[in-house]
N, C-alpha and C. Protein backbone atom coordinates (compact mmCIF):
# COMPACT_ATOMS: atom_id res chain seq x y z
N UNK A 1 3.62 -92.66 -9.01
CA UNK A 1 2.98 -91.78 -8.10
C UNK A 1 3.98 -90.84 -7.39
N UNK A 2 3.71 -89.60 -7.46
CA UNK A 2 4.62 -88.76 -6.61
C UNK A 2 3.85 -87.97 -5.43
N UNK A 3 4.52 -87.99 -4.34
CA UNK A 3 3.91 -87.19 -3.17
C UNK A 3 4.74 -86.26 -2.71
N UNK A 4 4.21 -85.23 -2.09
CA UNK A 4 5.09 -84.22 -1.52
C UNK A 4 4.84 -84.07 -0.06
N UNK A 5 5.98 -84.17 0.72
CA UNK A 5 5.77 -84.12 2.18
C UNK A 5 6.70 -82.99 2.62
N UNK A 6 6.18 -81.96 3.40
CA UNK A 6 7.05 -80.89 3.94
C UNK A 6 8.02 -81.49 4.90
N UNK A 7 9.28 -81.03 5.00
CA UNK A 7 10.23 -81.37 5.85
C UNK A 7 10.52 -80.08 6.71
N UNK A 8 10.32 -80.29 8.05
CA UNK A 8 10.54 -79.09 8.91
C UNK A 8 12.05 -78.62 8.97
N UNK A 9 12.15 -77.34 8.98
CA UNK A 9 13.52 -76.86 9.01
C UNK A 9 14.21 -77.17 10.31
N UNK A 10 15.43 -77.53 10.23
CA UNK A 10 16.21 -77.68 11.57
C UNK A 10 17.04 -76.33 11.76
N UNK A 11 16.68 -75.81 12.85
CA UNK A 11 16.98 -74.34 13.03
C UNK A 11 17.67 -74.21 14.37
N UNK A 12 18.75 -73.32 14.32
CA UNK A 12 19.44 -73.03 15.58
C UNK A 12 19.39 -71.54 15.59
N UNK A 13 18.88 -70.92 16.71
CA UNK A 13 18.61 -69.46 16.85
C UNK A 13 19.48 -68.78 17.93
N UNK A 14 19.96 -67.66 17.67
CA UNK A 14 20.58 -66.76 18.59
C UNK A 14 19.91 -65.38 18.48
N UNK A 15 19.33 -64.89 19.63
CA UNK A 15 18.41 -63.70 19.43
C UNK A 15 18.83 -62.72 20.47
N UNK A 16 18.39 -61.40 20.03
CA UNK A 16 18.53 -60.30 21.04
C UNK A 16 17.10 -59.82 21.04
N UNK A 17 16.45 -59.74 22.28
CA UNK A 17 15.15 -59.17 22.38
C UNK A 17 15.28 -57.98 23.22
N UNK A 18 14.89 -56.74 22.59
CA UNK A 18 15.06 -55.46 23.22
C UNK A 18 13.69 -54.90 23.66
N UNK A 19 13.46 -54.78 24.94
CA UNK A 19 12.19 -54.23 25.41
C UNK A 19 12.32 -52.73 25.69
N UNK A 20 11.46 -51.88 25.16
CA UNK A 20 11.41 -50.46 25.46
C UNK A 20 10.23 -50.22 26.22
N UNK A 21 10.32 -49.82 27.46
CA UNK A 21 9.18 -49.66 28.35
C UNK A 21 9.07 -48.26 28.65
N UNK A 22 7.81 -47.57 28.49
CA UNK A 22 7.51 -46.12 28.94
C UNK A 22 6.18 -46.34 29.67
N UNK A 23 5.73 -45.25 30.34
CA UNK A 23 4.44 -45.30 31.04
C UNK A 23 3.31 -45.62 30.15
N UNK A 24 3.37 -45.42 28.82
CA UNK A 24 2.25 -45.49 27.90
C UNK A 24 2.24 -46.82 27.12
N UNK A 25 3.43 -47.48 26.76
CA UNK A 25 3.48 -48.61 25.94
C UNK A 25 4.76 -49.47 26.25
N UNK A 26 4.63 -50.59 25.68
CA UNK A 26 5.87 -51.58 25.62
C UNK A 26 6.12 -51.93 24.19
N UNK A 27 7.29 -51.67 23.72
CA UNK A 27 7.69 -52.05 22.38
C UNK A 27 8.77 -53.15 22.50
N UNK A 28 8.74 -54.02 21.63
CA UNK A 28 9.80 -55.09 21.56
C UNK A 28 10.33 -55.05 20.14
N UNK A 29 11.70 -55.00 20.11
CA UNK A 29 12.46 -55.11 18.86
C UNK A 29 13.28 -56.45 18.99
N UNK A 30 13.13 -57.31 18.10
CA UNK A 30 13.90 -58.49 18.27
C UNK A 30 14.56 -58.90 16.95
N UNK A 31 15.90 -59.26 17.11
CA UNK A 31 16.63 -59.84 16.02
C UNK A 31 17.08 -61.16 16.30
N UNK A 32 16.72 -62.03 15.39
CA UNK A 32 16.94 -63.48 15.44
C UNK A 32 17.85 -63.92 14.37
N UNK A 33 19.07 -64.38 14.83
CA UNK A 33 20.04 -64.94 13.80
C UNK A 33 19.64 -66.36 13.81
N UNK A 34 19.27 -66.87 12.55
CA UNK A 34 18.81 -68.21 12.35
C UNK A 34 19.84 -69.06 11.56
N UNK A 35 20.30 -70.05 11.89
CA UNK A 35 21.06 -71.01 11.09
C UNK A 35 20.30 -72.25 10.75
N UNK A 36 20.21 -72.57 9.47
CA UNK A 36 19.53 -73.67 9.01
C UNK A 36 20.48 -74.90 8.65
N UNK A 37 20.05 -76.01 8.99
CA UNK A 37 20.87 -77.21 8.73
C UNK A 37 20.02 -77.78 7.45
N UNK A 38 20.80 -78.09 6.48
CA UNK A 38 20.09 -78.53 5.24
C UNK A 38 19.67 -77.26 4.46
N UNK A 39 19.01 -77.49 3.38
CA UNK A 39 18.59 -76.38 2.50
C UNK A 39 17.24 -76.59 2.12
N UNK A 40 16.46 -75.58 1.82
CA UNK A 40 15.01 -75.73 1.33
C UNK A 40 14.33 -74.37 1.44
N UNK A 41 12.99 -74.48 1.14
CA UNK A 41 12.14 -73.28 1.30
C UNK A 41 11.46 -73.33 2.54
N UNK A 42 11.78 -72.78 3.60
CA UNK A 42 11.34 -72.89 4.93
C UNK A 42 10.32 -71.70 5.41
N UNK A 43 9.59 -72.02 6.42
CA UNK A 43 8.93 -71.09 7.10
C UNK A 43 9.40 -71.21 8.52
N UNK A 44 9.32 -70.23 9.46
CA UNK A 44 9.70 -70.29 10.78
C UNK A 44 8.62 -69.63 11.58
N UNK A 45 8.24 -70.17 12.79
CA UNK A 45 7.22 -69.64 13.68
C UNK A 45 7.90 -69.17 14.96
N UNK A 46 7.36 -68.14 15.56
CA UNK A 46 7.88 -67.53 16.68
C UNK A 46 6.76 -67.49 17.69
N UNK A 47 7.00 -67.60 18.97
CA UNK A 47 6.06 -67.59 20.09
C UNK A 47 6.42 -66.33 20.81
N UNK A 48 5.39 -65.39 20.74
CA UNK A 48 5.60 -64.07 21.40
C UNK A 48 4.75 -63.94 22.66
N UNK A 49 5.07 -63.00 23.49
CA UNK A 49 4.25 -62.79 24.71
C UNK A 49 2.86 -62.47 24.37
N UNK A 50 1.97 -62.82 25.19
CA UNK A 50 0.50 -62.55 25.13
C UNK A 50 0.20 -61.05 25.10
N UNK A 51 -0.74 -60.65 24.19
CA UNK A 51 -1.15 -59.31 24.19
C UNK A 51 -0.33 -58.36 23.19
N UNK A 52 0.79 -58.81 22.56
CA UNK A 52 1.44 -58.06 21.69
C UNK A 52 0.93 -58.10 20.27
N UNK A 53 1.06 -57.10 19.46
CA UNK A 53 0.67 -57.09 18.13
C UNK A 53 1.91 -56.89 17.24
N UNK A 54 2.02 -57.62 16.13
CA UNK A 54 3.07 -57.55 15.20
C UNK A 54 2.95 -56.21 14.39
N UNK A 55 3.94 -55.47 14.38
CA UNK A 55 4.06 -54.15 13.62
C UNK A 55 4.90 -54.31 12.39
N UNK A 56 5.91 -55.07 12.43
CA UNK A 56 6.80 -55.25 11.33
C UNK A 56 7.64 -56.56 11.34
N UNK A 57 7.85 -57.12 10.19
CA UNK A 57 8.74 -58.26 10.10
C UNK A 57 9.56 -58.20 8.88
N UNK A 58 10.89 -58.45 9.03
CA UNK A 58 11.72 -58.11 7.86
C UNK A 58 13.01 -58.87 8.04
N UNK A 59 13.97 -58.63 7.17
CA UNK A 59 13.86 -57.64 6.06
C UNK A 59 12.98 -58.09 4.90
N UNK A 60 12.51 -57.09 4.13
CA UNK A 60 11.67 -57.51 3.02
C UNK A 60 12.21 -58.36 2.02
N UNK A 61 13.55 -58.34 1.74
CA UNK A 61 14.21 -59.11 0.73
C UNK A 61 14.34 -60.63 1.20
N UNK A 62 14.05 -60.79 2.43
CA UNK A 62 14.10 -62.16 3.10
C UNK A 62 12.72 -62.77 3.34
N UNK A 63 11.75 -61.92 3.81
CA UNK A 63 10.48 -62.31 4.33
C UNK A 63 9.43 -62.07 3.18
N UNK A 64 8.67 -63.15 2.72
CA UNK A 64 7.81 -62.98 1.70
C UNK A 64 6.38 -62.96 2.30
N UNK A 65 6.09 -63.41 3.46
CA UNK A 65 4.77 -63.36 4.07
C UNK A 65 4.74 -63.54 5.55
N UNK A 66 3.80 -62.92 6.20
CA UNK A 66 3.88 -62.98 7.65
C UNK A 66 2.39 -63.11 8.16
N UNK A 67 2.09 -63.87 9.17
CA UNK A 67 0.74 -63.96 9.73
C UNK A 67 0.87 -64.15 11.23
N UNK A 68 0.01 -63.43 11.99
CA UNK A 68 -0.07 -63.59 13.39
C UNK A 68 -1.41 -64.21 13.87
N UNK A 69 -1.33 -65.19 14.65
CA UNK A 69 -2.48 -65.83 15.21
C UNK A 69 -2.26 -66.01 16.67
N UNK A 70 -2.86 -65.10 17.57
CA UNK A 70 -2.67 -65.14 19.04
C UNK A 70 -1.17 -64.86 19.32
N UNK A 71 -0.54 -65.80 19.93
CA UNK A 71 0.92 -65.67 20.33
C UNK A 71 1.79 -66.14 19.26
N UNK A 72 1.36 -66.61 18.26
CA UNK A 72 2.23 -67.25 17.20
C UNK A 72 2.36 -66.32 15.95
N UNK A 73 3.59 -66.10 15.62
CA UNK A 73 3.89 -65.35 14.34
C UNK A 73 4.53 -66.21 13.30
N UNK A 74 4.03 -66.40 12.24
CA UNK A 74 4.61 -67.28 11.25
C UNK A 74 5.21 -66.48 10.10
N UNK A 75 6.44 -66.84 9.70
CA UNK A 75 7.27 -66.11 8.73
C UNK A 75 7.48 -67.09 7.58
N UNK A 76 7.20 -66.58 6.45
CA UNK A 76 7.54 -67.41 5.15
C UNK A 76 8.70 -66.70 4.52
N UNK A 77 9.77 -67.48 4.15
CA UNK A 77 10.91 -66.92 3.48
C UNK A 77 10.75 -66.82 2.03
N UNK A 78 11.42 -65.86 1.42
CA UNK A 78 11.46 -65.75 0.00
C UNK A 78 12.59 -66.46 -0.53
N UNK A 79 12.33 -67.58 -1.34
CA UNK A 79 13.43 -68.38 -1.86
C UNK A 79 13.99 -69.38 -0.92
N UNK A 80 15.00 -70.05 -1.42
CA UNK A 80 15.69 -71.20 -0.64
C UNK A 80 16.60 -70.71 0.28
N UNK A 81 16.65 -71.18 1.51
CA UNK A 81 17.45 -70.88 2.62
C UNK A 81 18.51 -71.92 2.65
N UNK A 82 19.78 -71.61 2.71
CA UNK A 82 20.92 -72.57 2.72
C UNK A 82 21.65 -72.60 3.99
N UNK A 83 21.95 -71.46 4.60
CA UNK A 83 22.81 -71.60 5.85
C UNK A 83 22.28 -70.63 7.02
N UNK A 84 22.18 -69.47 6.71
CA UNK A 84 21.79 -68.49 7.81
C UNK A 84 20.95 -67.34 7.30
N UNK A 85 20.23 -66.80 8.24
CA UNK A 85 19.34 -65.57 7.85
C UNK A 85 19.23 -64.79 9.22
N UNK A 86 18.98 -63.57 9.17
CA UNK A 86 18.61 -62.68 10.27
C UNK A 86 17.17 -62.02 10.07
N UNK A 87 16.30 -62.46 11.05
CA UNK A 87 14.91 -61.88 10.94
C UNK A 87 14.71 -60.90 11.99
N UNK A 88 14.01 -59.85 11.76
CA UNK A 88 13.74 -58.77 12.76
C UNK A 88 12.27 -58.70 12.88
N UNK A 89 11.82 -58.70 14.14
CA UNK A 89 10.42 -58.51 14.46
C UNK A 89 10.31 -57.26 15.36
N UNK A 90 9.10 -56.57 15.10
CA UNK A 90 8.78 -55.42 16.04
C UNK A 90 7.32 -55.64 16.41
N UNK A 91 7.20 -55.71 17.65
CA UNK A 91 5.80 -55.98 18.24
C UNK A 91 5.65 -54.96 19.36
N UNK A 92 4.34 -54.71 19.74
CA UNK A 92 4.11 -53.77 20.77
C UNK A 92 2.76 -53.91 21.34
N UNK A 93 2.57 -53.25 22.58
CA UNK A 93 1.24 -53.24 23.23
C UNK A 93 1.15 -51.91 23.96
N UNK A 94 -0.12 -51.47 24.29
CA UNK A 94 -0.35 -50.35 25.29
C UNK A 94 -0.32 -50.85 26.57
N UNK A 95 0.24 -50.08 27.54
CA UNK A 95 0.26 -50.37 28.92
C UNK A 95 -1.03 -49.84 29.53
N UNK A 96 -1.58 -50.66 30.41
CA UNK A 96 -2.78 -50.26 31.13
C UNK A 96 -2.38 -49.12 32.17
N UNK A 97 -3.21 -48.14 32.43
CA UNK A 97 -3.05 -47.08 33.30
C UNK A 97 -2.55 -47.51 34.76
N UNK A 98 -3.01 -48.68 35.31
CA UNK A 98 -2.74 -49.10 36.58
C UNK A 98 -1.78 -50.29 36.54
N UNK A 99 -1.14 -50.49 35.43
CA UNK A 99 -0.09 -51.55 35.36
C UNK A 99 1.16 -51.20 36.01
N UNK A 100 1.59 -52.05 36.97
CA UNK A 100 2.75 -51.73 37.77
C UNK A 100 4.04 -52.56 37.20
N UNK A 101 3.68 -53.86 36.92
CA UNK A 101 4.86 -54.76 36.61
C UNK A 101 4.77 -55.06 35.18
N UNK A 102 5.90 -55.19 34.55
CA UNK A 102 5.97 -55.61 33.14
C UNK A 102 6.95 -56.82 33.04
N UNK A 103 6.36 -57.97 32.53
CA UNK A 103 7.09 -59.19 32.39
C UNK A 103 7.94 -59.14 31.13
N UNK A 104 9.20 -59.32 31.25
CA UNK A 104 10.12 -59.37 30.02
C UNK A 104 10.25 -60.84 29.76
N UNK A 105 9.60 -61.27 28.56
CA UNK A 105 9.69 -62.67 28.26
C UNK A 105 10.42 -62.77 26.85
N UNK A 106 11.21 -63.85 26.66
CA UNK A 106 11.79 -63.98 25.41
C UNK A 106 10.83 -64.34 24.27
N UNK A 107 11.28 -64.09 23.14
CA UNK A 107 10.45 -64.54 21.88
C UNK A 107 11.18 -65.84 21.49
N UNK A 108 10.37 -66.80 21.45
CA UNK A 108 10.89 -68.32 21.24
C UNK A 108 10.66 -68.56 19.70
N UNK A 109 11.80 -69.36 19.20
CA UNK A 109 11.70 -69.90 17.77
C UNK A 109 11.10 -71.26 17.98
N UNK A 110 9.90 -71.43 17.47
CA UNK A 110 9.14 -72.66 17.63
C UNK A 110 9.85 -73.81 16.90
N UNK A 111 10.16 -74.92 17.57
CA UNK A 111 10.73 -76.04 17.02
C UNK A 111 12.17 -75.97 16.79
N UNK A 112 12.91 -74.98 17.33
CA UNK A 112 14.41 -74.73 17.16
C UNK A 112 15.07 -75.89 18.03
N UNK A 113 16.11 -76.33 17.41
CA UNK A 113 16.98 -77.27 18.12
C UNK A 113 17.65 -76.55 19.18
N UNK A 114 18.02 -75.40 18.98
CA UNK A 114 18.80 -74.60 20.08
C UNK A 114 18.29 -73.12 19.92
N UNK A 115 17.89 -72.53 21.05
CA UNK A 115 17.40 -71.27 20.97
C UNK A 115 17.85 -70.36 22.17
N UNK A 116 18.91 -69.61 21.92
CA UNK A 116 19.57 -68.87 23.03
C UNK A 116 19.57 -67.40 22.55
N UNK A 117 19.97 -66.52 23.63
CA UNK A 117 20.11 -65.14 23.35
C UNK A 117 20.07 -64.30 24.59
N UNK A 118 19.69 -63.12 24.33
CA UNK A 118 19.68 -62.00 25.45
C UNK A 118 18.28 -61.27 25.48
N UNK A 119 17.89 -60.92 26.59
CA UNK A 119 16.80 -60.03 26.71
C UNK A 119 17.23 -58.80 27.38
N UNK A 120 17.01 -57.54 26.82
CA UNK A 120 17.63 -56.24 27.17
C UNK A 120 16.35 -55.34 27.49
N UNK A 121 16.45 -54.43 28.63
CA UNK A 121 15.46 -53.55 28.95
C UNK A 121 16.04 -52.21 28.73
N UNK A 122 15.15 -51.30 28.06
CA UNK A 122 15.56 -49.94 27.91
C UNK A 122 14.26 -49.00 28.45
N UNK A 123 14.62 -48.16 29.35
CA UNK A 123 13.49 -47.51 29.91
C UNK A 123 13.94 -46.18 30.30
N UNK A 124 12.99 -45.13 30.41
CA UNK A 124 13.34 -43.84 30.96
C UNK A 124 13.91 -43.82 32.36
N UNK A 125 14.72 -42.93 32.77
CA UNK A 125 15.26 -42.97 34.13
C UNK A 125 14.11 -42.72 35.04
N UNK A 126 12.97 -42.11 34.73
CA UNK A 126 11.92 -41.82 35.65
C UNK A 126 11.17 -43.01 36.12
N UNK A 127 11.37 -44.13 35.31
CA UNK A 127 10.68 -45.44 35.67
C UNK A 127 11.71 -46.24 36.49
N UNK A 128 11.25 -46.79 37.53
CA UNK A 128 12.09 -47.52 38.51
C UNK A 128 11.99 -48.98 37.98
N UNK A 129 13.18 -49.53 37.59
CA UNK A 129 13.17 -50.89 37.18
C UNK A 129 13.97 -51.75 38.23
N UNK A 130 13.28 -52.71 38.74
CA UNK A 130 13.85 -53.67 39.61
C UNK A 130 13.50 -55.18 39.17
N UNK A 131 14.38 -55.97 39.57
CA UNK A 131 14.11 -57.41 39.14
C UNK A 131 13.17 -58.09 40.30
N UNK A 132 12.19 -58.55 39.91
CA UNK A 132 11.24 -59.16 40.84
C UNK A 132 11.55 -60.72 40.89
N UNK A 133 11.61 -61.34 39.69
CA UNK A 133 11.80 -62.76 39.70
C UNK A 133 12.47 -63.11 38.26
N UNK A 134 13.42 -63.90 38.22
CA UNK A 134 14.02 -64.21 36.89
C UNK A 134 14.24 -65.78 36.96
N UNK A 135 13.78 -66.48 36.01
CA UNK A 135 13.88 -67.97 35.96
C UNK A 135 14.64 -68.26 34.55
N UNK A 136 15.75 -68.96 34.72
CA UNK A 136 16.56 -69.38 33.54
C UNK A 136 17.36 -68.24 32.94
N UNK A 137 17.50 -67.14 33.65
CA UNK A 137 18.17 -65.96 33.09
C UNK A 137 19.35 -65.68 34.06
N UNK A 138 20.36 -65.07 33.47
CA UNK A 138 21.52 -64.67 34.27
C UNK A 138 21.98 -63.25 33.84
N UNK A 139 22.25 -62.38 34.74
CA UNK A 139 22.57 -61.04 34.45
C UNK A 139 23.88 -61.00 33.63
N UNK A 140 23.95 -60.09 32.80
CA UNK A 140 25.17 -59.75 31.93
C UNK A 140 25.23 -58.23 31.68
N UNK A 141 26.49 -57.76 31.61
CA UNK A 141 26.82 -56.38 31.33
C UNK A 141 26.27 -56.08 29.76
N UNK A 142 25.47 -55.12 29.67
CA UNK A 142 24.86 -54.78 28.44
C UNK A 142 25.91 -54.26 27.45
N UNK A 143 27.05 -53.65 27.90
CA UNK A 143 28.06 -53.17 27.18
C UNK A 143 28.58 -54.24 26.21
N UNK A 144 28.63 -55.51 26.66
CA UNK A 144 29.05 -56.54 25.75
C UNK A 144 28.21 -56.74 24.51
N UNK A 145 26.91 -56.35 24.63
CA UNK A 145 25.99 -56.45 23.59
C UNK A 145 25.80 -55.30 22.60
N UNK A 146 26.55 -54.22 22.92
CA UNK A 146 26.41 -52.97 22.24
C UNK A 146 26.67 -53.11 20.63
N UNK A 147 27.57 -53.73 20.25
CA UNK A 147 27.80 -53.95 18.78
C UNK A 147 26.53 -54.52 18.11
N UNK A 148 25.92 -55.52 18.78
CA UNK A 148 24.75 -56.16 18.16
C UNK A 148 23.52 -55.24 18.34
N UNK A 149 23.51 -54.50 19.48
CA UNK A 149 22.26 -53.61 19.58
C UNK A 149 22.23 -52.48 18.65
N UNK A 150 23.47 -51.93 18.17
CA UNK A 150 23.38 -50.87 17.30
C UNK A 150 22.90 -51.22 15.95
């Protein structure tokens, strides 16, 4: 008798989450460098901030399927993953007319052994950006991230 039991991927993630905030909308472009321990055909889930809708997941040669259910986005990979891969997500939401504050939350890799990275804000000069509260974050000069942001 043979039985098949799925084995969860052992993942280490390093991410850059770029928020673009305007008076009308909030767009998020996230790049997740994923390192897999072991090899196999894996799927990875992301926990995104509430209210955002997935617009794109890629690259297409890596991602075979995608599904969003509330805050969770599930990605299925094309073929076997052996060492590392980079997944890009684009999500967005419309801002309410009376919305004053925007929370910049990370996009988490569900079940990752290690999940680190940076959250970056891009906004027009006409919007005043001030830090109200930051938990578990430390400021960093964005110029150090420029090669990865390009």
